[in-house]
Every structure is written in structure tokens, then in C-alpha cells.
């Protein structure tokens, strides 16, 4: 088994973008086991909302690794510079342009949001846990 990771809030995830220090016990709601290899700064988030359904449903836990390379098709946690909280979407790369895409085909918001230097990728999703 690999070291447990902290379950943190979306605001804290946005705060931790670009931070390379390890989490301390007080930073987490709880510490969760993760059955796969991960970098030293990996963390967990509870999915909120339906933008990434049906693959990631509201209330499921995603495991995020900031040390993993974000490529086209990666599901990523991103903080927009003008937002306090991070968001969770799929990364789409077309040439030199990057977009965020909601996976939910019924999502009423924009299907693609262009991102540039005003966005920081906080990590790549490496797994999920779906509680009963």
C-alpha cells in the first residue's frame, strides 16, 4: 500500500497550486489510502456538481497528483487566476491552444473554455473512489 493522501477542500486545492511542500495533518479533512503509486504532494478532492458526469459523479472522491504531466485528454484540477477555488475538467490541447471541457453531454455551460497563462494546472486525476 502507498502512503495515504489528504482529502482537502476545493479552496485549499486552489491555494496549493504550485506549492511543493507536503501537506501536514491539519490541512486535511481526513487522510485516505490510495492503492497506486503517486507523487509526494498527491491529494484527494470530493467531486461537487455534475459537470464531469457520468464518469465522475457528485460526491465521489478523486485522487490528484501534481507531479503527473497533464496531456491532451487528461482530467485535471485547474485554478483560474481570478478564482479562489479550483475546478475539475478534461484538458483539450489543439496546437498551442488549451481548453477545459466538461464531460457531461447535458452540461448547460460552455462545452470548451479556452485557458492560457491565466490558469494553473494543480494536478492530474490518477483515480477515483465512489462511496456507496
N, C-alpha and C. Protein backbone atom coordinates (compact mmCIF):
# COMPACT_ATOMS: atom_id res chain seq x y z
N UNK A 1 0.85 -1.19 0.00
CA UNK A 1 0.00 0.00 0.00
C UNK A 1 0.89 1.24 0.00
N UNK A 2 0.42 2.27 -0.65
CA UNK A 2 1.16 3.52 -0.73
C UNK A 2 0.70 4.47 0.37
N UNK A 3 1.47 5.51 0.60
CA UNK A 3 1.17 6.47 1.65
C UNK A 3 -0.21 7.08 1.44
N UNK A 4 -0.98 7.31 2.51
CA UNK A 4 -2.29 7.96 2.37
C UNK A 4 -2.14 9.40 1.92
N UNK A 5 -3.21 9.93 1.33
CA UNK A 5 -3.21 11.31 0.84
C UNK A 5 -4.31 12.10 1.56
N UNK A 6 -4.13 13.42 1.68
CA UNK A 6 -5.13 14.23 2.37
C UNK A 6 -6.34 14.53 1.49
N UNK A 7 -7.52 14.43 2.09
CA UNK A 7 -8.75 14.90 1.45
C UNK A 7 -8.88 16.37 1.83
N UNK A 8 -8.83 17.26 0.82
CA UNK A 8 -8.84 18.69 1.08
C UNK A 8 -10.02 19.35 0.38
N UNK A 9 -10.23 20.63 0.67
CA UNK A 9 -11.31 21.39 0.05
C UNK A 9 -10.86 21.94 -1.30
N UNK A 10 -11.82 22.37 -2.11
CA UNK A 10 -11.53 22.96 -3.42
C UNK A 10 -10.79 24.28 -3.27
N UNK A 11 -11.07 25.03 -2.22
CA UNK A 11 -10.35 26.28 -1.97
C UNK A 11 -8.90 25.95 -1.64
N UNK A 12 -8.69 24.98 -0.76
CA UNK A 12 -7.33 24.60 -0.40
C UNK A 12 -6.58 24.08 -1.62
N UNK A 13 -7.25 23.34 -2.51
CA UNK A 13 -6.60 22.86 -3.73
C UNK A 13 -6.12 24.04 -4.57
N UNK A 14 -6.94 25.09 -4.67
CA UNK A 14 -6.53 26.28 -5.39
C UNK A 14 -5.35 26.97 -4.73
N UNK A 15 -5.36 26.97 -3.39
CA UNK A 15 -4.24 27.57 -2.64
C UNK A 15 -2.95 26.79 -2.84
N UNK A 16 -3.07 25.47 -3.01
CA UNK A 16 -1.88 24.61 -3.07
C UNK A 16 -1.31 24.51 -4.48
N UNK A 17 -1.95 25.11 -5.48
CA UNK A 17 -1.39 25.09 -6.83
C UNK A 17 0.00 25.70 -6.80
N UNK A 18 0.95 24.95 -7.30
CA UNK A 18 2.31 25.46 -7.38
C UNK A 18 3.11 25.30 -6.10
N UNK A 19 2.48 24.85 -5.01
CA UNK A 19 3.20 24.65 -3.76
C UNK A 19 3.85 23.27 -3.80
N UNK A 20 5.09 23.18 -3.37
CA UNK A 20 5.78 21.90 -3.43
C UNK A 20 5.96 21.26 -2.05
N UNK A 21 5.52 21.93 -0.99
CA UNK A 21 5.64 21.35 0.34
C UNK A 21 4.60 20.27 0.52
N UNK A 22 4.91 19.30 1.40
CA UNK A 22 3.95 18.26 1.72
C UNK A 22 2.85 18.84 2.58
N UNK A 23 1.70 18.20 2.56
CA UNK A 23 0.60 18.59 3.43
C UNK A 23 0.94 18.17 4.85
N UNK A 24 0.42 18.90 5.81
CA UNK A 24 0.58 18.49 7.20
C UNK A 24 -0.78 17.99 7.69
N UNK A 25 -0.81 17.25 8.80
CA UNK A 25 -2.08 16.64 9.24
C UNK A 25 -3.25 17.61 9.34
N UNK A 26 -3.04 18.86 9.76
CA UNK A 26 -4.14 19.81 9.90
C UNK A 26 -4.69 20.33 8.60
N UNK A 27 -4.04 20.07 7.47
CA UNK A 27 -4.50 20.56 6.18
C UNK A 27 -5.66 19.74 5.62
N UNK A 28 -5.92 18.57 6.18
CA UNK A 28 -6.86 17.63 5.57
C UNK A 28 -8.10 17.42 6.42
N UNK A 29 -9.23 17.17 5.74
CA UNK A 29 -10.43 16.72 6.43
C UNK A 29 -10.20 15.33 6.99
N UNK A 30 -9.50 14.49 6.20
CA UNK A 30 -9.09 13.16 6.61
C UNK A 30 -8.00 12.69 5.65
N UNK A 31 -7.35 11.60 6.00
CA UNK A 31 -6.29 11.03 5.16
C UNK A 31 -6.81 9.72 4.59
N UNK A 32 -6.69 9.55 3.27
CA UNK A 32 -7.28 8.40 2.59
C UNK A 32 -6.20 7.52 1.97
N UNK A 33 -6.39 6.20 2.06
CA UNK A 33 -5.45 5.30 1.39
C UNK A 33 -5.65 5.37 -0.12
N UNK A 34 -4.59 5.20 -0.86
CA UNK A 34 -4.67 5.17 -2.32
C UNK A 34 -3.84 3.97 -2.79
N UNK A 35 -4.43 3.09 -3.59
CA UNK A 35 -3.76 1.84 -3.93
C UNK A 35 -2.77 1.91 -5.09
N UNK A 36 -2.38 3.08 -5.50
CA UNK A 36 -1.44 3.17 -6.62
C UNK A 36 -0.33 4.16 -6.30
N UNK A 37 0.75 4.05 -7.03
CA UNK A 37 1.89 4.95 -6.83
C UNK A 37 1.49 6.37 -7.15
N UNK A 38 2.05 7.31 -6.40
CA UNK A 38 1.75 8.72 -6.61
C UNK A 38 2.91 9.56 -6.10
N UNK A 39 2.95 10.81 -6.55
CA UNK A 39 3.97 11.74 -6.10
C UNK A 39 3.76 12.15 -4.66
N UNK A 40 4.75 12.79 -4.06
CA UNK A 40 4.69 13.14 -2.64
C UNK A 40 3.65 14.20 -2.29
N UNK A 41 3.14 14.94 -3.26
CA UNK A 41 2.17 16.00 -2.98
C UNK A 41 0.76 15.66 -3.46
N UNK A 42 0.50 14.39 -3.71
CA UNK A 42 -0.84 13.98 -4.15
C UNK A 42 -1.87 14.28 -3.06
N UNK A 43 -3.10 14.50 -3.50
CA UNK A 43 -4.19 14.80 -2.58
C UNK A 43 -5.50 14.28 -3.16
N UNK A 44 -6.56 14.36 -2.35
CA UNK A 44 -7.88 13.90 -2.78
C UNK A 44 -8.87 15.07 -2.65
N UNK A 45 -9.87 15.05 -3.53
CA UNK A 45 -10.95 16.04 -3.51
C UNK A 45 -12.28 15.32 -3.65
N UNK A 46 -13.31 15.87 -3.03
CA UNK A 46 -14.67 15.34 -3.21
C UNK A 46 -15.32 16.09 -4.36
N UNK A 47 -15.76 15.36 -5.38
CA UNK A 47 -16.37 15.98 -6.56
C UNK A 47 -17.67 16.67 -6.16
N UNK A 48 -17.82 17.90 -6.67
CA UNK A 48 -19.04 18.67 -6.45
C UNK A 48 -19.64 18.99 -7.80
N UNK A 49 -20.93 18.77 -7.93
CA UNK A 49 -21.62 19.13 -9.16
C UNK A 49 -21.62 18.00 -10.17
N UNK A 50 -22.18 18.28 -11.34
CA UNK A 50 -22.43 17.25 -12.35
C UNK A 50 -21.70 17.48 -13.66
N UNK A 51 -20.79 18.44 -13.71
CA UNK A 51 -20.14 18.77 -14.99
C UNK A 51 -19.30 17.63 -15.55
N UNK A 52 -18.84 16.71 -14.68
CA UNK A 52 -17.98 15.62 -15.15
C UNK A 52 -18.70 14.27 -15.16
N UNK A 53 -20.03 14.28 -14.95
CA UNK A 53 -20.80 13.05 -15.04
C UNK A 53 -20.87 12.60 -16.49
N UNK A 54 -21.05 11.35 -16.80
CA UNK A 54 -21.34 10.27 -15.87
C UNK A 54 -20.09 9.60 -15.27
N UNK A 55 -18.91 9.91 -15.77
CA UNK A 55 -17.72 9.22 -15.27
C UNK A 55 -17.39 9.57 -13.82
N UNK A 56 -17.53 10.84 -13.45
CA UNK A 56 -17.24 11.30 -12.09
C UNK A 56 -18.51 11.92 -11.53
N UNK A 57 -19.12 11.26 -10.58
CA UNK A 57 -20.40 11.76 -10.07
C UNK A 57 -20.21 12.60 -8.80
N UNK A 58 -21.17 13.43 -8.55
CA UNK A 58 -21.18 14.29 -7.37
C UNK A 58 -20.98 13.43 -6.13
N UNK A 59 -20.01 13.79 -5.29
CA UNK A 59 -19.75 13.06 -4.05
C UNK A 59 -18.63 12.03 -4.15
N UNK A 60 -18.23 11.66 -5.36
CA UNK A 60 -17.12 10.71 -5.47
C UNK A 60 -15.82 11.41 -5.08
N UNK A 61 -14.81 10.63 -4.77
CA UNK A 61 -13.51 11.15 -4.37
C UNK A 61 -12.54 10.95 -5.53
N UNK A 62 -11.85 12.03 -5.93
CA UNK A 62 -10.82 11.90 -6.96
C UNK A 62 -9.46 12.07 -6.31
N UNK A 63 -8.48 11.33 -6.81
CA UNK A 63 -7.11 11.42 -6.35
C UNK A 63 -6.32 12.19 -7.40
N UNK A 64 -5.58 13.20 -6.96
CA UNK A 64 -4.92 14.15 -7.85
C UNK A 64 -3.42 14.14 -7.57
N UNK A 65 -2.63 14.04 -8.64
CA UNK A 65 -1.17 14.04 -8.50
C UNK A 65 -0.58 15.25 -9.24
N UNK A 66 -0.07 16.24 -8.50
CA UNK A 66 0.52 17.42 -9.15
C UNK A 66 1.80 17.12 -9.92
N UNK A 67 2.44 15.99 -9.64
CA UNK A 67 3.70 15.69 -10.32
C UNK A 67 3.49 14.98 -11.66
N UNK A 68 2.26 14.58 -11.95
CA UNK A 68 1.97 13.89 -13.21
C UNK A 68 1.79 14.91 -14.34
N UNK A 69 2.36 14.63 -15.48
CA UNK A 69 2.27 15.51 -16.65
C UNK A 69 0.83 15.58 -17.17
N UNK A 70 0.32 16.78 -17.38
CA UNK A 70 -1.02 16.98 -17.93
C UNK A 70 -0.92 17.00 -19.45
N UNK A 71 -1.52 16.03 -20.10
CA UNK A 71 -1.52 15.91 -21.55
C UNK A 71 -2.94 16.03 -22.08
N UNK A 72 -3.07 16.12 -23.41
CA UNK A 72 -4.38 16.13 -24.06
C UNK A 72 -5.19 14.93 -23.56
N UNK A 73 -6.40 15.17 -23.10
CA UNK A 73 -7.28 14.12 -22.61
C UNK A 73 -7.17 13.84 -21.13
N UNK A 74 -6.18 14.43 -20.45
CA UNK A 74 -6.06 14.25 -19.00
C UNK A 74 -7.21 14.96 -18.30
N UNK A 75 -7.70 14.36 -17.23
CA UNK A 75 -8.66 15.03 -16.37
C UNK A 75 -7.84 15.77 -15.32
N UNK A 76 -8.05 17.07 -15.23
CA UNK A 76 -7.18 17.92 -14.43
C UNK A 76 -7.95 18.78 -13.44
N UNK A 77 -7.25 19.17 -12.38
CA UNK A 77 -7.74 20.17 -11.45
C UNK A 77 -6.99 21.45 -11.79
N UNK A 78 -7.74 22.52 -12.02
CA UNK A 78 -7.18 23.77 -12.52
C UNK A 78 -7.68 24.93 -11.67
N UNK A 79 -6.79 25.89 -11.43
CA UNK A 79 -7.21 27.12 -10.77
C UNK A 79 -7.07 28.25 -11.77
N UNK A 80 -8.16 28.94 -12.03
CA UNK A 80 -8.12 30.14 -12.86
C UNK A 80 -7.63 31.27 -11.95
N UNK A 81 -6.79 32.14 -12.46
CA UNK A 81 -6.16 33.17 -11.64
C UNK A 81 -7.15 34.09 -10.94
N UNK A 82 -8.34 34.27 -11.51
CA UNK A 82 -9.33 35.16 -10.90
C UNK A 82 -10.32 34.42 -10.01
N UNK A 83 -10.06 33.15 -9.71
CA UNK A 83 -10.97 32.33 -8.90
C UNK A 83 -10.27 31.87 -7.63
N UNK A 84 -11.01 31.77 -6.52
CA UNK A 84 -10.44 31.28 -5.26
C UNK A 84 -10.39 29.76 -5.24
N UNK A 85 -11.37 29.12 -5.90
CA UNK A 85 -11.46 27.67 -5.88
C UNK A 85 -10.93 27.08 -7.18
N UNK A 86 -10.45 25.85 -7.07
CA UNK A 86 -10.04 25.12 -8.25
C UNK A 86 -11.28 24.52 -8.92
N UNK A 87 -11.12 24.07 -10.16
CA UNK A 87 -12.19 23.40 -10.89
C UNK A 87 -11.64 22.11 -11.48
N UNK A 88 -12.53 21.23 -11.91
CA UNK A 88 -12.17 19.90 -12.40
C UNK A 88 -12.77 19.71 -13.79
N UNK A 89 -11.91 19.54 -14.80
CA UNK A 89 -12.37 19.35 -16.18
C UNK A 89 -11.36 18.51 -16.94
N UNK A 90 -11.69 18.18 -18.17
CA UNK A 90 -10.77 17.47 -19.06
C UNK A 90 -9.96 18.48 -19.87
N UNK A 91 -8.66 18.23 -19.99
CA UNK A 91 -7.78 19.11 -20.75
C UNK A 91 -7.81 18.72 -22.22
N UNK A 92 -8.03 19.70 -23.07
CA UNK A 92 -8.02 19.52 -24.52
C UNK A 92 -6.91 20.41 -25.08
N UNK A 93 -6.00 19.81 -25.84
CA UNK A 93 -4.90 20.58 -26.43
C UNK A 93 -5.03 20.51 -27.93
N UNK A 94 -5.16 21.68 -28.56
CA UNK A 94 -5.23 21.78 -30.02
C UNK A 94 -4.14 22.73 -30.47
N UNK A 95 -3.04 22.18 -30.96
CA UNK A 95 -1.90 23.01 -31.34
C UNK A 95 -1.32 23.67 -30.11
N UNK A 96 -1.24 25.00 -30.13
CA UNK A 96 -0.73 25.75 -29.00
C UNK A 96 -1.83 26.22 -28.06
N UNK A 97 -3.07 25.86 -28.34
CA UNK A 97 -4.20 26.33 -27.56
C UNK A 97 -4.69 25.21 -26.64
N UNK A 98 -5.02 25.59 -25.39
CA UNK A 98 -5.54 24.64 -24.41
C UNK A 98 -6.95 25.05 -24.02
N UNK A 99 -7.79 24.03 -23.81
CA UNK A 99 -9.17 24.23 -23.40
C UNK A 99 -9.48 23.31 -22.23
N UNK A 100 -10.53 23.65 -21.49
CA UNK A 100 -11.11 22.77 -20.49
C UNK A 100 -12.48 22.35 -20.99
N UNK A 101 -12.78 21.06 -20.82
CA UNK A 101 -14.06 20.52 -21.31
C UNK A 101 -14.77 19.78 -20.19
N UNK A 102 -16.06 20.05 -20.03
CA UNK A 102 -16.91 19.27 -19.14
C UNK A 102 -17.27 17.98 -19.87
N UNK A 103 -17.23 16.84 -19.17
CA UNK A 103 -17.53 15.55 -19.80
C UNK A 103 -19.03 15.30 -19.94
N UNK A 104 -19.84 15.95 -19.12
CA UNK A 104 -21.28 15.73 -19.13
C UNK A 104 -21.87 16.23 -20.45
N UNK A 105 -22.45 15.32 -21.27
CA UNK A 105 -23.02 15.75 -22.54
C UNK A 105 -24.22 16.68 -22.38
N UNK A 106 -24.85 16.68 -21.20
CA UNK A 106 -26.00 17.54 -20.93
C UNK A 106 -25.60 18.82 -20.19
N UNK A 107 -24.32 19.07 -20.04
CA UNK A 107 -23.85 20.25 -19.31
C UNK A 107 -24.36 21.51 -20.00
N UNK A 108 -25.06 22.40 -19.27
CA UNK A 108 -25.64 23.59 -19.90
C UNK A 108 -24.63 24.70 -20.15
N UNK A 109 -23.50 24.66 -19.47
CA UNK A 109 -22.49 25.70 -19.63
C UNK A 109 -21.72 25.52 -20.92
N UNK A 110 -20.70 26.35 -21.12
CA UNK A 110 -19.89 26.23 -22.34
C UNK A 110 -19.20 24.86 -22.38
N UNK A 111 -19.15 24.27 -23.57
CA UNK A 111 -18.53 22.94 -23.73
C UNK A 111 -17.02 23.03 -23.63
N UNK A 112 -16.44 24.10 -24.16
CA UNK A 112 -14.99 24.31 -24.10
C UNK A 112 -14.71 25.70 -23.56
N UNK A 113 -13.77 25.78 -22.63
CA UNK A 113 -13.33 27.06 -22.09
C UNK A 113 -11.85 27.18 -22.41
N UNK A 114 -11.49 28.19 -23.19
CA UNK A 114 -10.07 28.36 -23.52
C UNK A 114 -9.31 28.84 -22.29
N UNK A 115 -8.14 28.24 -22.08
CA UNK A 115 -7.29 28.67 -20.98
C UNK A 115 -5.94 29.09 -21.55
N UNK A 116 -5.27 29.94 -20.82
CA UNK A 116 -3.96 30.41 -21.25
C UNK A 116 -3.11 30.58 -20.00
N UNK A 117 -2.29 31.59 -19.96
CA UNK A 117 -1.42 31.80 -18.80
C UNK A 117 -2.20 32.21 -17.55
N UNK A 118 -3.51 32.46 -17.69
CA UNK A 118 -4.32 32.83 -16.54
C UNK A 118 -4.82 31.61 -15.76
N UNK A 119 -4.38 30.42 -16.15
CA UNK A 119 -4.80 29.20 -15.47
C UNK A 119 -3.58 28.41 -15.03
N UNK A 120 -3.69 27.79 -13.86
CA UNK A 120 -2.63 26.94 -13.33
C UNK A 120 -3.18 25.54 -13.15
N UNK A 121 -2.54 24.56 -13.77
CA UNK A 121 -2.96 23.17 -13.58
C UNK A 121 -2.40 22.69 -12.24
N UNK A 122 -3.31 22.30 -11.35
CA UNK A 122 -2.95 21.90 -9.99
C UNK A 122 -2.67 20.41 -9.88
N UNK A 123 -2.94 19.65 -10.92
CA UNK A 123 -2.66 18.22 -10.88
C UNK A 123 -3.56 17.45 -11.83
N UNK A 124 -3.16 16.19 -12.04
CA UNK A 124 -3.87 15.28 -12.93
C UNK A 124 -4.56 14.21 -12.08
N UNK A 125 -5.81 13.90 -12.42
CA UNK A 125 -6.56 12.87 -11.71
C UNK A 125 -5.96 11.51 -12.06
N UNK A 126 -5.61 10.74 -11.00
CA UNK A 126 -5.00 9.42 -11.21
C UNK A 126 -5.89 8.29 -10.74
N UNK A 127 -7.09 8.62 -10.23
CA UNK A 127 -8.02 7.58 -9.80
C UNK A 127 -9.20 8.20 -9.08
N UNK A 128 -10.16 7.35 -8.74
CA UNK A 128 -11.31 7.83 -8.00
C UNK A 128 -11.85 6.73 -7.11
N UNK A 129 -12.58 7.14 -6.09
CA UNK A 129 -13.29 6.24 -5.18
C UNK A 129 -14.74 6.70 -5.18
N UNK A 130 -15.66 5.75 -5.39
CA UNK A 130 -17.08 6.09 -5.40
C UNK A 130 -17.73 5.47 -4.16
N UNK A 131 -18.04 6.29 -3.16
CA UNK A 131 -18.67 5.74 -1.95
C UNK A 131 -20.10 5.30 -2.23
N UNK A 132 -20.56 4.31 -1.47
CA UNK A 132 -21.94 3.83 -1.60
C UNK A 132 -22.90 4.84 -1.03
